[in-house]
PDB file of N, CA and C in Angstrom:
ATOM      1  N   MET A   1      94.979  22.713  10.758  1.00  0.00           N
ATOM      2  CA  MET A   1      93.492  23.585  10.285  1.00  0.00           C
ATOM      3  C   MET A   1      92.805  24.469  11.333  1.00  0.00           C
ATOM      4  N   PHE A   2      93.205  24.272  12.529  1.00  0.00           N
ATOM      5  CA  PHE A   2      92.224  24.676  13.469  1.00  0.00           C
ATOM      6  C   PHE A   2      93.414  25.755  13.625  1.00  0.00           C
ATOM      7  N   SER A   3      94.473  25.402  13.796  1.00  0.00           N
ATOM      8  CA  SER A   3      95.434  26.913  14.668  1.00  0.00           C
ATOM      9  C   SER A   3      95.752  27.956  13.159  1.00  0.00           C
ATOM     10  N   ALA A   4      95.410  27.467  11.888  1.00  0.00           N
ATOM     11  CA  ALA A   4      95.064  28.261  11.069  1.00  0.00           C
ATOM     12  C   ALA A   4      94.011  29.243  11.308  1.00  0.00           C
ATOM     13  N   LEU A   5      92.715  28.426  11.418  1.00  0.00           N
ATOM     14  CA  LEU A   5      91.452  29.130  12.070  1.00  0.00           C
ATOM     15  C   LEU A   5      91.956  30.202  12.886  1.00  0.00           C
ATOM     16  N   GLY A   6      92.247  29.840  14.294  1.00  0.00           N
ATOM     17  CA  GLY A   6      92.761  30.680  15.329  1.00  0.00           C
ATOM     18  C   GLY A   6      92.967  31.651  14.769  1.00  0.00           C
ATOM     19  N   CYS A   7      94.278  31.329  14.076  1.00  0.00           N
ATOM     20  CA  CYS A   7      94.979  32.732  13.624  1.00  0.00           C
ATOM     21  C   CYS A   7      94.896  33.616  12.640  1.00  0.00           C
ATOM     22  N   ARG A   8      93.610  33.169  11.991  1.00  0.00           N
ATOM     23  CA  ARG A   8      92.585  34.179  11.208  1.00  0.00           C
ATOM     24  C   ARG A   8      91.504  34.939  11.591  1.00  0.00           C
ATOM     25  N   ILE A   9      90.950  34.184  13.023  1.00  0.00           N
ATOM     26  CA  ILE A   9      90.425  35.074  14.228  1.00  0.00           C
ATOM     27  C   ILE A   9      90.917  36.190  14.671  1.00  0.00           C
ATOM     28  N   GLY A  10      92.375  35.317  14.923  1.00  0.00           N
ATOM     29  CA  GLY A  10      93.245  36.799  15.867  1.00  0.00           C
ATOM     30  C   GLY A  10      93.363  37.808  14.980  1.00  0.00           C
ATOM     31  N   TRP A  11      93.449  37.610  13.643  1.00  0.00           N
ATOM     32  CA  TRP A  11      93.913  38.709  12.873  1.00  0.00           C
ATOM     33  C   TRP A  11      93.043  39.686  12.427  1.00  0.00           C
ATOM     34  N   VAL A  12      91.654  38.940  12.268  1.00  0.00           N
ATOM     35  CA  VAL A  12      90.445  39.851  12.435  1.00  0.00           C
ATOM     36  C   VAL A  12      90.120  40.548  13.345  1.00  0.00           C
ATOM     37  N   LEU A  13      90.155  39.956  14.538  1.00  0.00           N
ATOM     38  CA  LEU A  13      89.967  41.009  15.695  1.00  0.00           C
ATOM     39  C   LEU A  13      90.713  42.072  15.801  1.00  0.00           C
ATOM     40  N   LEU A  14      91.968  41.990  15.362  1.00  0.00           N
ATOM     41  CA  LEU A  14      93.069  42.433  15.602  1.00  0.00           C
ATOM     42  C   LEU A  14      92.924  43.477  14.690  1.00  0.00           C
ATOM     43  N   ALA A  15      92.929  43.718  13.633  1.00  0.00           N
ATOM     44  CA  ALA A  15      92.799  44.606  12.217  1.00  0.00           C
ATOM     45  C   ALA A  15      91.670  45.225  12.391  1.00  0.00           C
ATOM     46  N   GLY A  16      90.663  44.176  12.782  1.00  0.00           N
ATOM     47  CA  GLY A  16      89.271  45.279  12.838  1.00  0.00           C
ATOM     48  C   GLY A  16      88.578  46.191  14.076  1.00  0.00           C
ATOM     49  N   GLU A  17      89.738  46.051  14.824  1.00  0.00           N
ATOM     50  CA  GLU A  17      89.891  47.145  15.810  1.00  0.00           C
ATOM     51  C   GLU A  17      88.578  46.743  17.030  1.00  0.00           C
ATOM     52  N   CYS A  18      88.785  45.544  17.128  1.00  0.00           N
ATOM     53  CA  CYS A  18      87.313  45.320  18.125  1.00  0.00           C
ATOM     54  C   CYS A  18      87.117  46.025  19.458  1.00  0.00           C
ATOM     55  N   PRO A  19      86.781  45.999  20.086  1.00  0.00           N
ATOM     56  CA  PRO A  19      87.346  46.007  21.255  1.00  0.00           C
ATOM     57  C   PRO A  19      87.701  45.667  22.198  1.00  0.00           C
ATOM     58  N   ALA A  20      88.413  46.409  23.048  1.00  0.00           N
ATOM     59  CA  ALA A  20      89.491  45.538  24.105  1.00  0.00           C
ATOM     60  C   ALA A  20      89.231  44.512  24.772  1.00  0.00           C
ATOM     61  N   ALA A  21      87.673  44.053  25.000  1.00  0.00           N
ATOM     62  CA  ALA A  21      87.108  43.065  25.906  1.00  0.00           C
ATOM     63  C   ALA A  21      87.194  41.587  24.688  1.00  0.00           C
ATOM     64  N   ILE A  22      86.893  41.600  23.594  1.00  0.00           N
ATOM     65  CA  ILE A  22      86.632  40.803  22.759  1.00  0.00           C
ATOM     66  C   ILE A  22      88.036  40.195  22.839  1.00  0.00           C
ATOM     67  N   THR A  23      88.893  41.157  22.147  1.00  0.00           N
ATOM     68  CA  THR A  23      90.393  40.947  22.375  1.00  0.00           C
ATOM     69  C   THR A  23      91.053  40.199  23.690  1.00  0.00           C
ATOM     70  N   GLY A  24      90.711  40.173  24.306  1.00  0.00           N
ATOM     71  CA  GLY A  24      91.348  40.012  25.870  1.00  0.00           C
ATOM     72  C   GLY A  24      90.747  38.451  26.235  1.00  0.00           C
ATOM     73  N   ILE A  25      89.468  38.280  25.497  1.00  0.00           N
ATOM     74  CA  ILE A  25      88.720  36.995  25.571  1.00  0.00           C
ATOM     75  C   ILE A  25      89.387  36.057  24.313  1.00  0.00           C
ATOM     76  N   PHE A  26      89.257  36.681  23.892  1.00  0.00           N
ATOM     77  CA  PHE A  26      89.926  35.876  22.564  1.00  0.00           C
ATOM     78  C   PHE A  26      91.905  35.340  23.150  1.00  0.00           C
ATOM     79  N   THR A  27      92.425  36.157  24.172  1.00  0.00           N
ATOM     80  CA  THR A  27      93.319  35.778  24.218  1.00  0.00           C
ATOM     81  C   THR A  27      93.954  35.037  25.024  1.00  0.00           C
ATOM     82  N   PHE A  28      92.880  35.258  25.832  1.00  0.00           N
ATOM     83  CA  PHE A  28      92.325  34.301  27.282  1.00  0.00           C
ATOM     84  C   PHE A  28      92.446  32.685  26.732  1.00  0.00           C
ATOM     85  N   ILE A  29      91.516  32.573  25.809  1.00  0.00           N
ATOM     86  CA  ILE A  29      90.774  31.485  25.320  1.00  0.00           C
ATOM     87  C   ILE A  29      92.182  30.663  24.809  1.00  0.00           C
ATOM     88  N   VAL A  30      93.071  31.597  23.980  1.00  0.00           N
ATOM     89  CA  VAL A  30      94.108  30.849  23.069  1.00  0.00           C
ATOM     90  C   VAL A  30      95.199  30.613  24.516  1.00  0.00           C
ATOM     91  N   GLN A  31      95.328  31.105  25.530  1.00  0.00           N
ATOM     92  CA  GLN A  31      96.340  30.727  26.287  1.00  0.00           C
ATOM     93  C   GLN A  31      95.976  29.709  27.258  1.00  0.00           C
ATOM     94  N   LEU A  32      94.835  29.277  27.423  1.00  0.00           N
ATOM     95  CA  LEU A  32      93.764  28.319  27.967  1.00  0.00           C
ATOM     96  C   LEU A  32      94.420  27.175  27.171  1.00  0.00           C
ATOM     97  N   ALA A  33      93.867  26.977  25.914  1.00  0.00           N
ATOM     98  CA  ALA A  33      94.170  25.977  25.037  1.00  0.00           C
ATOM     99  C   ALA A  33      95.518  26.060  24.693  1.00  0.00           C
ATOM    100  N   THR A  34      96.689  26.971  24.934  1.00  0.00           N
ATOM    101  CA  THR A  34      97.815  26.532  25.014  1.00  0.00           C
ATOM    102  C   THR A  34      98.741  25.776  26.337  1.00  0.00           C
ATOM    103  N   ALA A  35      97.808  26.092  27.520  1.00  0.00           N
ATOM    104  CA  ALA A  35      98.238  25.342  28.852  1.00  0.00           C
ATOM    105  C   ALA A  35      97.604  24.455  28.837  1.00  0.00           C
ATOM    106  N   THR A  36      96.215  24.542  28.685  1.00  0.00           N
ATOM    107  CA  THR A  36      96.231  22.877  28.549  1.00  0.00           C
ATOM    108  C   THR A  36      96.728  21.761  27.684  1.00  0.00           C
ATOM    109  N   ALA A  37      97.096  22.400  26.127  1.00  0.00           N
ATOM    110  CA  ALA A  37      97.888  21.259  25.670  1.00  0.00           C
ATOM    111  C   ALA A  37      99.400  20.840  26.303  1.00  0.00           C
ATOM    112  N   LEU A  38      99.821  21.710  27.402  1.00  0.00           N
ATOM    113  CA  LEU A  38     100.844  21.755  27.237  1.00  0.00           C
ATOM    114  C   LEU A  38     101.199  21.301  28.847  1.00  0.00           C
ATOM    115  N   LEU A  39      99.769  20.995  29.042  1.00  0.00           N
ATOM    116  CA  LEU A  39     100.052  19.879  30.361  1.00  0.00           C
ATOM    117  C   LEU A  39     100.165  18.904  30.274  1.00  0.00           C
ATOM    118  N   LEU A  40      99.278  18.383  29.189  1.00  0.00           N
ATOM    119  CA  LEU A  40      99.636  16.847  28.712  1.00  0.00           C
ATOM    120  C   LEU A  40     101.367  16.778  28.335  1.00  0.00           C
ATOM    121  N   TYR A  41     101.897  17.514  27.562  1.00  0.00           N
ATOM    122  CA  TYR A  41     103.381  17.401  27.666  1.00  0.00           C
ATOM    123  C   TYR A  41     103.900  17.098  28.906  1.00  0.00           C
ATOM    124  N   VAL A  42     103.320  17.387  29.801  1.00  0.00           N
ATOM    125  CA  VAL A  42     103.982  16.909  31.144  1.00  0.00           C
ATOM    126  C   VAL A  42     103.425  15.477  31.409  1.00  0.00           C
ATOM    127  N   LEU A  43     102.173  15.638  31.171  1.00  0.00           N
ATOM    128  CA  LEU A  43     101.482  14.229  31.790  1.00  0.00           C
ATOM    129  C   LEU A  43     101.909  12.659  31.181  1.00  0.00           C
ATOM    130  N   ALA A  44     102.303  13.049  29.612  1.00  0.00           N
ATOM    131  CA  ALA A  44     102.363  12.117  28.634  1.00  0.00           C
ATOM    132  C   ALA A  44     104.270  11.559  29.597  1.00  0.00           C
ATOM    133  N   PRO A  45     105.085  12.088  29.439  1.00  0.00           N
ATOM    134  CA  PRO A  45     106.709  11.770  29.593  1.00  0.00           C
ATOM    135  C   PRO A  45     106.115  10.893  31.058  1.00  0.00           C
ATOM    136  N   LEU A  46     105.327  11.852  32.181  1.00  0.00           N
ATOM    137  CA  LEU A  46     105.145  11.078  33.576  1.00  0.00           C
ATOM    138  C   LEU A  46     104.493   9.271  33.769  1.00  0.00           C
ATOM    139  N   ALA A  47     103.992   9.339  32.626  1.00  0.00           N
ATOM    140  CA  ALA A  47     103.269   8.020  32.128  1.00  0.00           C
ATOM    141  C   ALA A  47     104.286   6.848  31.696  1.00  0.00           C
ATOM    142  N   ALA A  48     104.985   7.559  30.821  1.00  0.00           N
ATOM    143  CA  ALA A  48     106.242   6.961  30.342  1.00  0.00           C
ATOM    144  C   ALA A  48     107.015   6.078  31.865  1.00  0.00           C
ATOM    145  N   LEU A  49     107.525   7.217  32.238  1.00  0.00           N
ATOM    146  CA  LEU A  49     108.358   6.771  33.750  1.00  0.00           C
ATOM    147  C   LEU A  49     107.621   5.760  34.365  1.00  0.00           C
ATOM    148  N   ARG A  50     106.625   6.170  34.492  1.00  0.00           N
ATOM    149  CA  ARG A  50     105.382   5.466  35.411  1.00  0.00           C
ATOM    150  C   ARG A  50     105.191   3.847  34.925  1.00  0.00           C
ATOM    151  N   PHE A  51     104.963   3.731  33.847  1.00  0.00           N
ATOM    152  CA  PHE A  51     104.967   2.102  33.102  1.00  0.00           C
ATOM    153  C   PHE A  51     106.510   2.047  33.082  1.00  0.00           C
ATOM    154  N   MET A  52     107.239   2.558  32.929  1.00  0.00           N
ATOM    155  CA  MET A  52     109.053   1.847  33.137  1.00  0.00           C
ATOM    156  C   MET A  52     108.953   1.205  34.347  1.00  0.00           C
ATOM    157  N   ALA A  53     108.789   1.869  35.696  1.00  0.00           N
ATOM    158  CA  ALA A  53     108.554   1.655  36.598  1.00  0.00           C
ATOM    159  C   ALA A  53     107.762   0.210  36.978  1.00  0.00           C
ATOM    160  N   ASN A  54     106.587   0.365  36.254  1.00  0.00           N
ATOM    161  CA  ASN A  54     105.729  -1.088  36.713  1.00  0.00           C
ATOM    162  C   ASN A  54     106.034  -1.760  35.718  1.00  0.00           C
ATOM    163  N   GLY A  55     106.895  -1.433  35.164  1.00  0.00           N
ATOM    164  CA  GLY A  55     107.828  -2.743  34.101  1.00  0.00           C
ATOM    165  C   GLY A  55     106.420  -3.087  32.827  1.00  0.00           C
ATOM    166  N   LEU A  56     105.463  -2.043  32.484  1.00  0.00           N
ATOM    167  CA  LEU A  56     104.801  -2.304  31.338  1.00  0.00           C
ATOM    168  C   LEU A  56     105.836  -2.063  30.508  1.00  0.00           C
ATOM    169  N   VAL A  57     106.662  -1.277  30.265  1.00  0.00           N
ATOM    170  CA  VAL A  57     107.738  -0.807  29.254  1.00  0.00           C
ATOM    171  C   VAL A  57     108.968  -0.989  29.515  1.00  0.00           C
ATOM    172  N   PRO A  58     109.768  -1.770  28.837  1.00  0.00           N
ATOM    173  CA  PRO A  58     111.466  -2.160  29.148  1.00  0.00           C
ATOM    174  C   PRO A  58     111.391  -0.543  29.636  1.00  0.00           C
ATOM    175  N   ARG A  59     112.783  -0.933  30.421  1.00  0.00           N
ATOM    176  CA  ARG A  59     113.663  -0.038  30.639  1.00  0.00           C
ATOM    177  C   ARG A  59     114.166   0.443  30.009  1.00  0.00           C
ATOM    178  N   SER A  60     114.433   1.817  29.687  1.00  0.00           N
ATOM    179  CA  SER A  60     115.493   2.341  28.996  1.00  0.00           C
ATOM    180  C   SER A  60     116.123   3.620  29.041  1.00  0.00           C
ATOM    181  N   ALA A  61     117.400   3.669  29.226  1.00  0.00           N
ATOM    182  CA  ALA A  61     117.845   5.100  29.220  1.00  0.00           C
ATOM    183  C   ALA A  61     117.423   6.220  28.281  1.00  0.00           C
ATOM    184  N   GLY A  62     117.599   5.622  27.336  1.00  0.00           N
ATOM    185  CA  GLY A  62     117.038   7.068  26.462  1.00  0.00           C
ATOM    186  C   GLY A  62     115.801   7.069  26.242  1.00  0.00           C
ATOM    187  N   LEU A  63     115.051   6.335  26.602  1.00  0.00           N
ATOM    188  CA  LEU A  63     113.571   6.790  27.032  1.00  0.00           C
ATOM    189  C   LEU A  63     113.137   7.433  28.292  1.00  0.00           C
ATOM    190  N   SER A  64     113.900   7.037  29.320  1.00  0.00           N
ATOM    191  CA  SER A  64     114.119   7.837  30.277  1.00  0.00           C
ATOM    192  C   SER A  64     114.943   9.279  30.482  1.00  0.00           C
ATOM    193  N   ALA A  65     115.743   9.734  29.654  1.00  0.00           N
ATOM    194  CA  ALA A  65     116.594  10.587  29.111  1.00  0.00           C
ATOM    195  C   ALA A  65     115.470  11.947  28.562  1.00  0.00           C
ATOM    196  N   ALA A  66     115.040  11.279  27.393  1.00  0.00           N
ATOM    197  CA  ALA A  66     113.544  12.002  26.847  1.00  0.00           C
ATOM    198  C   ALA A  66     112.593  12.395  27.660  1.00  0.00           C
ATOM    199  N   ALA A  67     112.204  10.962  28.276  1.00  0.00           N
ATOM    200  CA  ALA A  67     110.828  11.910  29.460  1.00  0.00           C
ATOM    201  C   ALA A  67     111.181  12.950  30.375  1.00  0.00           C
ATOM    202  N   VAL A  68     112.597  12.509  30.631  1.00  0.00           N
ATOM    203  CA  VAL A  68     112.778  13.879  32.079  1.00  0.00           C
ATOM    204  C   VAL A  68     113.096  15.419  30.690  1.00  0.00           C
ATOM    205  N   GLY A  69     113.480  15.477  29.894  1.00  0.00           N
ATOM    206  CA  GLY A  69     113.801  16.128  28.828  1.00  0.00           C
ATOM    207  C   GLY A  69     112.473  16.577  28.325  1.00  0.00           C
ATOM    208  N   ALA A  70     111.553  15.824  28.529  1.00  0.00           N
ATOM    209  CA  ALA A  70     109.928  16.861  27.812  1.00  0.00           C
ATOM    210  C   ALA A  70     109.109  16.923  29.081  1.00  0.00           C
ATOM    211  N   ILE A  71     109.749  16.652  30.322  1.00  0.00           N
ATOM    212  CA  ILE A  71     109.118  17.036  31.108  1.00  0.00           C
ATOM    213  C   ILE A  71     109.450  18.808  31.593  1.00  0.00           C
ATOM    214  N   GLN A  72     110.949  18.253  31.565  1.00  0.00           N
ATOM    215  CA  GLN A  72     111.517  19.774  32.089  1.00  0.00           C
ATOM    216  C   GLN A  72     111.156  20.773  30.682  1.00  0.00           C
ATOM    217  N   PHE A  73     110.441  20.637  29.404  1.00  0.00           N
ATOM    218  CA  PHE A  73     110.676  21.694  28.868  1.00  0.00           C
ATOM    219  C   PHE A  73     108.894  21.880  28.658  1.00  0.00           C
ATOM    220  N   GLY A  74     108.364  20.577  29.202  1.00  0.00           N
ATOM    221  CA  GLY A  74     106.597  21.450  29.454  1.00  0.00           C
ATOM    222  C   GLY A  74     106.440  21.915  30.881  1.00  0.00           C
ATOM    223  N   ALA A  75     107.441  22.192  31.479  1.00  0.00           N
ATOM    224  CA  ALA A  75     107.528  22.850  32.689  1.00  0.00           C
ATOM    225  C   ALA A  75     107.662  23.880  32.664  1.00  0.00           C
ATOM    226  N   VAL A  76     108.576  24.386  32.165  1.00  0.00           N
ATOM    227  CA  VAL A  76     109.150  25.671  31.512  1.00  0.00           C
ATOM    228  C   VAL A  76     108.018  26.157  30.571  1.00  0.00           C
ATOM    229  N   ALA A  77     107.800  25.439  29.454  1.00  0.00           N
ATOM    230  CA  ALA A  77     106.711  26.113  28.514  1.00  0.00           C
ATOM    231  C   ALA A  77     105.489  26.697  29.048  1.00  0.00           C
ATOM    232  N   ILE A  78     104.686  25.815  30.436  1.00  0.00           N
ATOM    233  CA  ILE A  78     103.703  25.636  30.904  1.00  0.00           C
ATOM    234  C   ILE A  78     103.629  27.351  31.481  1.00  0.00           C
ATOM    235  N   LEU A  79     105.047  27.728  31.514  1.00  0.00           N
ATOM    236  CA  LEU A  79     105.031  28.861  32.640  1.00  0.00           C
ATOM    237  C   LEU A  79     104.538  30.769  31.379  1.00  0.00           C
ATOM    238  N   GLY A  80     104.443  29.826  30.601  1.00  0.00           N
ATOM    239  CA  GLY A  80     104.627  31.132  29.185  1.00  0.00           C
ATOM    240  C   GLY A  80     103.479  31.462  29.036  1.00  0.00           C
ATOM    241  N   PRO A  81     101.822  30.946  29.262  1.00  0.00           N
ATOM    242  CA  PRO A  81     100.645  31.865  29.565  1.00  0.00           C
ATOM    243  C   PRO A  81     100.047  32.121  30.702  1.00  0.00           C
ATOM    244  N   GLY A  82     100.902  32.086  31.539  1.00  0.00           N
ATOM    245  CA  GLY A  82     100.514  33.203  32.929  1.00  0.00           C
ATOM    246  C   GLY A  82      99.674  32.021  33.967  1.00  0.00           C
ATOM    247  N   GLY A  83      99.452  32.573  34.849  1.00  0.00           N
ATOM    248  CA  GLY A  83      98.803  31.596  36.570  1.00  0.00           C
ATOM    249  C   GLY A  83      97.705  31.736  35.740  1.00  0.00           C
ATOM    250  N   PRO A  84      96.773  31.986  35.668  1.00  0.00           N
ATOM    251  CA  PRO A  84      95.150  31.963  35.389  1.00  0.00           C
ATOM    252  C   PRO A  84      94.535  30.864  34.575  1.00  0.00           C
ATOM    253  N   PRO A  85      95.423  31.063  32.847  1.00  0.00           N
ATOM    254  CA  PRO A  85      95.049  30.169  31.892  1.00  0.00           C
ATOM    255  C   PRO A  85      95.752  28.506  32.581  1.00  0.00           C
ATOM    256  N   ILE A  86      96.551  28.810  33.491  1.00  0.00           N
ATOM    257  CA  ILE A  86      97.003  27.019  33.730  1.00  0.00           C
ATOM    258  C   ILE A  86      95.843  26.976  35.063  1.00  0.00           C
ATOM    259  N   VAL A  87      95.879  27.711  35.722  1.00  0.00           N
ATOM    260  CA  VAL A  87      94.407  26.761  37.093  1.00  0.00           C
ATOM    261  C   VAL A  87      93.388  26.444  36.159  1.00  0.00           C
ATOM    262  N   TRP A  88      92.759  27.648  34.751  1.00  0.00           N
ATOM    263  CA  TRP A  88      91.567  26.989  34.392  1.00  0.00           C
ATOM    264  C   TRP A  88      91.959  25.450  34.132  1.00  0.00           C
ATOM    265  N   GLY A  89      92.918  25.843  32.885  1.00  0.00           N
ATOM    266  CA  GLY A  89      93.256  24.421  32.272  1.00  0.00           C
ATOM    267  C   GLY A  89      93.412  23.543  32.885  1.00  0.00           C
ATOM    268  N   THR A  90      93.876  23.555  34.002  1.00  0.00           N
ATOM    269  CA  THR A  90      94.188  22.191  35.273  1.00  0.00           C
ATOM    270  C   THR A  90      92.657  21.756  35.726  1.00  0.00           C
ATOM    271  N   ALA A  91      91.593  22.632  35.740  1.00  0.00           N
ATOM    272  CA  ALA A  91      90.766  22.426  36.402  1.00  0.00           C
ATOM    273  C   ALA A  91      89.602  22.105  35.307  1.00  0.00           C
ATOM    274  N   LEU A  92      90.000  22.556  34.181  1.00  0.00           N
ATOM    275  CA  LEU A  92      88.647  21.782  33.401  1.00  0.00           C
ATOM    276  C   LEU A  92      89.595  20.234  33.119  1.00  0.00           C
ATOM    277  N   VAL A  93      90.629  20.122  33.034  1.00  0.00           N
ATOM    278  CA  VAL A  93      91.647  18.466  32.992  1.00  0.00           C
ATOM    279  C   VAL A  93      90.900  17.607  33.783  1.00  0.00           C
ATOM    280  N   LEU A  94      91.212  18.311  34.741  1.00  0.00           N
ATOM    281  CA  LEU A  94      90.694  17.206  36.125  1.00  0.00           C
ATOM    282  C   LEU A  94      89.405  17.587  35.816  1.00  0.00           C
ATOM    283  N   ALA A  95      88.293  17.870  35.835  1.00  0.00           N
ATOM    284  CA  ALA A  95      86.770  18.076  35.759  1.00  0.00           C
ATOM    285  C   ALA A  95      86.850  16.673  34.367  1.00  0.00           C
ATOM    286  N   GLY A  96      87.315  17.106  33.678  1.00  0.00           N
ATOM    287  CA  GLY A  96      86.813  16.098  32.326  1.00  0.00           C
ATOM    288  C   GLY A  96      87.534  14.733  32.722  1.00  0.00           C
ATOM    289  N   TRP A  97      88.179  14.626  33.590  1.00  0.00           N
ATOM    290  CA  TRP A  97      88.591  12.666  34.051  1.00  0.00           C
ATOM    291  C   TRP A  97      87.704  12.928  35.107  1.00  0.00           C
ATOM    292  N   GLN A  98      87.715  13.291  35.657  1.00  0.00           N
ATOM    293  CA  GLN A  98      86.074  12.870  36.334  1.00  0.00           C
ATOM    294  C   GLN A  98      84.998  12.512  35.715  1.00  0.00           C
ATOM    295  N   LEU A  99      84.528  13.231  35.050  1.00  0.00           N
ATOM    296  CA  LEU A  99      83.400  13.078  34.117  1.00  0.00           C
ATOM    297  C   LEU A  99      83.538  11.428  33.392  1.00  0.00           C
ATOM    298  N   TYR A 100      85.072  11.420  32.736  1.00  0.00           N
ATOM    299  CA  TYR A 100      85.281  10.106  32.258  1.00  0.00           C
ATOM    300  C   TYR A 100      84.994   8.959  32.808  1.00  0.00           C
ATOM    301  N   ARG A 101      85.743   9.104  34.264  1.00  0.00           N
ATOM    302  CA  ARG A 101      85.404   7.883  35.320  1.00  0.00           C
ATOM    303  C   ARG A 101      83.690   7.783  35.604  1.00  0.00           C
ATOM    304  N   VAL A 102      82.905   9.038  35.501  1.00  0.00           N
ATOM    305  CA  VAL A 102      81.728   8.259  35.785  1.00  0.00           C
ATOM    306  C   VAL A 102      80.993   8.098  34.660  1.00  0.00           C
ATOM    307  N   VAL A 103      81.722   8.175  33.718  1.00  0.00           N
ATOM    308  CA  VAL A 103      80.820   7.521  32.058  1.00  0.00           C
ATOM    309  C   VAL A 103      80.846   6.665  32.254  1.00  0.00           C
ATOM    310  N   LYS A 104      82.213   5.790  32.612  1.00  0.00           N
ATOM    311  CA  LYS A 104      82.971   4.904  32.557  1.00  0.00           C
ATOM    312  C   LYS A 104      82.346   3.845  33.480  1.00  0.00           C
ATOM    313  N   ARG A 105      82.303   4.734  34.873  1.00  0.00           N
ATOM    314  CA  ARG A 105      81.276   3.572  35.777  1.00  0.00           C
ATOM    315  C   ARG A 105      79.732   3.183  35.255  1.00  0.00           C
ATOM    316  N   HIS A 106      79.138   4.167  34.737  1.00  0.00           N
ATOM    317  CA  HIS A 106      77.829   3.812  34.374  1.00  0.00           C
ATOM    318  C   HIS A 106      77.106   2.719  33.208  1.00  0.00           C
ATOM    319  N   GLU A 107      78.339   2.964  32.253  1.00  0.00           N
ATOM    320  CA  GLU A 107      78.834   2.152  30.983  1.00  0.00           C
ATOM    321  C   GLU A 107      78.787   0.304  32.203  1.00  0.00           C
ATOM    322  N   ALA A 108      79.849   0.535  32.666  1.00  0.00           N
ATOM    323  CA  ALA A 108      80.408  -0.738  33.289  1.00  0.00           C
ATOM    324  C   ALA A 108      78.828  -1.640  34.546  1.00  0.00           C
ATOM    325  N   LEU A 109      77.985  -0.426  34.758  1.00  0.00           N
ATOM    326  CA  LEU A 109      76.934  -1.005  35.410  1.00  0.00           C
ATOM    327  C   LEU A 109      75.730  -1.480  34.368  1.00  0.00           C
ATOM    328  N   ALA A 110      75.875  -0.797  33.220  1.00  0.00           N
ATOM    329  CA  ALA A 110      74.892  -1.044  32.520  1.00  0.00           C
ATOM    330  C   ALA A 110      75.016  -2.393  31.619  1.00  0.00           C
ATOM    331  N   ARG A 111      76.232  -2.871  31.822  1.00  0.00           N
ATOM    332  CA  ARG A 111      76.410  -4.165  31.095  1.00  0.00           C
ATOM    333  C   ARG A 111      75.533  -5.477  31.893  1.00  0.00           C
TER     334      ARG A 111
END
């Protein structure tokens, strides 16, 4: 649903011949969302490999191969949006992770 809405907004911006600045901002936001989503495509298989190494998930050659393939795909796909969206996406994910840790700490202290 959200991708359809984003596509519609992009089409309206381009068809309506909006100023280049607005189109550029929209393009950057789309690239930022793509880079951030692709970052998780790399982090999830890394977590699977770590869980296998720690014994939390049974070792499996198939899962290891799938995780390595997913990491390679994600690493190559992340290069698509370019440098600034990758940097901003990584910074926003790290900031969100720190915020999550602070909230969890405050919840633990409140109990």
